[in-house]
Protein backbone atom coordinates (compact mmCIF):
# COMPACT_ATOMS: atom_id res chain seq x y z
CA MET A 1 -15.86 -43.06 -17.48
CA ARG A 2 -17.39 -40.05 -19.17
CA ALA A 3 -19.26 -39.04 -16.00
CA LEU A 4 -16.04 -39.25 -13.94
CA LEU A 5 -14.29 -36.98 -16.44
CA PHE A 6 -17.08 -34.40 -16.15
CA VAL A 7 -16.97 -34.53 -12.34
CA ILE A 8 -13.20 -33.96 -12.34
CA LEU A 9 -13.52 -31.15 -14.90
CA GLY A 10 -16.30 -29.54 -12.80
CA LEU A 11 -14.18 -29.70 -9.67
CA ALA A 12 -11.22 -28.11 -11.45
CA VAL A 13 -13.32 -25.28 -12.87
CA GLY A 14 -14.97 -24.73 -9.48
CA ALA A 15 -11.59 -24.60 -7.72
CA MET A 16 -10.29 -22.05 -10.22
CA GLY A 17 -13.43 -19.94 -9.80
CA ALA A 18 -13.13 -20.02 -6.02
CA THR A 19 -9.46 -19.01 -6.26
CA PHE A 20 -10.28 -16.04 -8.49
CA ALA A 21 -13.12 -14.94 -6.21
CA LEU A 22 -10.98 -15.10 -3.06
CA SER A 23 -8.18 -13.21 -4.79
CA ALA A 24 -10.56 -10.44 -5.83
CA LEU A 25 -11.92 -10.13 -2.28
CA ARG A 26 -8.42 -9.84 -0.76
CA GLN A 27 -7.18 -7.07 -3.05
CA GLY A 28 -8.95 -4.20 -1.34
CA THR A 29 -10.27 -1.13 -3.05
CA PRO A 30 -8.50 1.14 -5.52
CA PHE A 31 -9.11 4.03 -3.10
CA HIS A 32 -7.03 2.26 -0.46
CA ASP A 33 -4.14 1.85 -2.91
CA GLY A 34 -4.49 5.42 -4.14
CA VAL A 35 -4.28 6.97 -0.67
CA MET A 36 -1.10 5.05 0.09
CA ALA A 37 0.40 5.87 -3.33
CA VAL A 38 -0.24 9.61 -2.94
CA MET A 39 1.24 9.63 0.56
CA GLN A 40 4.27 7.70 -0.66
CA HIS A 41 4.72 10.17 -3.51
CA HIS A 42 4.73 13.24 -1.25
CA MET A 43 6.96 11.61 1.36
CA GLY A 44 9.38 10.51 -1.37
CA ALA A 45 9.48 14.00 -2.87
CA LEU A 46 10.22 15.56 0.52
CA ARG A 47 12.99 13.06 1.21
CA ALA A 48 14.44 13.64 -2.27
CA ASN A 49 14.52 17.37 -1.58
CA VAL A 50 16.41 16.75 1.67
CA ARG A 51 18.95 14.50 -0.11
CA ALA A 52 19.41 17.06 -2.89
CA LYS A 53 19.72 19.91 -0.34
CA GLN A 54 16.93 21.79 -2.15
CA CYS A 55 14.45 22.52 0.60
CA ASP A 56 12.38 25.55 -0.31
CA ALA A 57 10.22 26.42 2.71
CA LYS A 58 7.10 27.10 0.62
CA VAL A 59 7.39 23.86 -1.35
CA SER A 60 8.03 21.86 1.82
CA ALA A 61 5.03 23.44 3.55
CA GLU A 62 2.77 22.67 0.57
CA ARG A 63 3.91 19.04 0.39
CA LEU A 64 3.53 18.57 4.14
CA ALA A 65 0.02 20.05 3.98
CA ARG A 66 -0.92 17.70 1.10
CA LEU A 67 0.53 14.77 2.99
CA ARG A 68 -1.54 15.72 6.06
CA LEU A 69 -4.73 16.08 4.04
CA THR A 70 -4.19 12.72 2.35
CA ALA A 71 -3.51 11.06 5.71
CA GLY A 72 -6.96 12.25 6.75
CA ASP A 73 -8.41 9.83 4.19
CA ILE A 74 -6.88 6.76 5.83
CA ARG A 75 -9.96 6.10 7.96
CA GLU A 76 -12.16 6.18 4.85
CA ALA A 77 -9.76 4.01 2.87
CA PHE A 78 -9.65 1.37 5.60
CA PRO A 79 -13.18 1.33 7.05
CA ASP A 80 -12.74 -1.98 8.88
CA MET A 81 -9.55 -1.07 10.71
CA ASP A 82 -9.02 -2.38 14.21
CA ALA A 83 -8.17 -0.29 17.27
CA GLY A 84 -4.41 -0.75 16.82
CA PHE A 85 -4.58 0.51 13.25
CA ALA A 86 -6.64 3.49 14.39
CA ARG A 87 -3.99 4.31 17.03
CA ALA A 88 -1.26 4.06 14.38
CA GLY A 89 -3.27 6.46 12.20
CA ALA A 90 -3.60 8.88 15.11
CA THR A 91 0.17 8.69 15.68
CA LEU A 92 0.74 9.54 12.02
CA ASP A 93 -1.74 12.43 12.25
CA ALA A 94 0.05 13.84 15.29
CA ALA A 95 3.46 13.54 13.61
CA LEU A 96 2.16 15.29 10.49
CA ASP A 97 0.48 18.02 12.54
CA ALA A 98 3.79 18.66 14.30
CA ALA A 99 5.67 18.70 10.98
CA VAL A 100 3.22 21.17 9.45
CA ALA A 101 3.35 23.36 12.57
CA ALA A 102 7.16 23.32 12.55
CA ALA A 103 7.17 24.87 9.06
CA PRO A 104 10.76 23.79 8.38
CA ALA A 105 12.71 26.40 6.44
CA SER A 106 15.90 24.38 5.98
CA CYS A 107 16.83 20.86 4.93
CA ASP A 108 18.00 20.07 8.45
CA GLY A 109 14.67 21.25 9.86
CA LEU A 110 12.75 19.27 7.24
CA ALA A 111 14.74 16.13 8.01
CA VAL A 112 13.98 16.52 11.71
CA ALA A 113 10.28 17.11 10.98
CA LEU A 114 10.08 14.08 8.66
CA LYS A 115 11.71 11.62 11.10
CA PRO A 116 8.61 11.06 13.30
CA VAL A 117 6.42 10.88 10.19
CA GLY A 118 8.65 8.23 8.63
CA ASP A 119 8.77 6.34 11.93
CA ALA A 120 4.97 6.34 12.15
CA CYS A 121 4.66 5.08 8.57
CA GLN A 122 7.30 2.41 9.12
CA SER A 123 5.80 1.07 12.35
CA CYS A 124 2.36 0.79 10.79
CA HIS A 125 3.67 -0.91 7.65
CA GLN A 126 5.66 -3.41 9.70
CA GLN A 127 2.57 -4.44 11.60
CA TYR A 128 -0.22 -4.20 9.01
CA ARG A 129 1.33 -4.70 5.60
């Protein structure tokens, strides 16, 4: 009876250990989370400026540039990405390059520049999140 109890206890502890190990392996790296958090912050700030009708051209250009630089870290943050993810990243890069080049000076211009960026983010998140 005692041996059976130890076998059952060993199996339970082993199952819990395996669950914790698999959970830790699935979480990803903090760098991955940080890249996405910084991009979300800048995109959210730009959208908030559009909603508030406070779109200073210099501030918008700085935020777009930061967003573009951070997007450049996506390949490093997701080193094992497949070809579809890489294409989605290239689409985002192109949308951000166009937004930076547009240098929107008004809220309407910023909203137009942000639309393809938001679409690229949304399509990737729908498929890979």
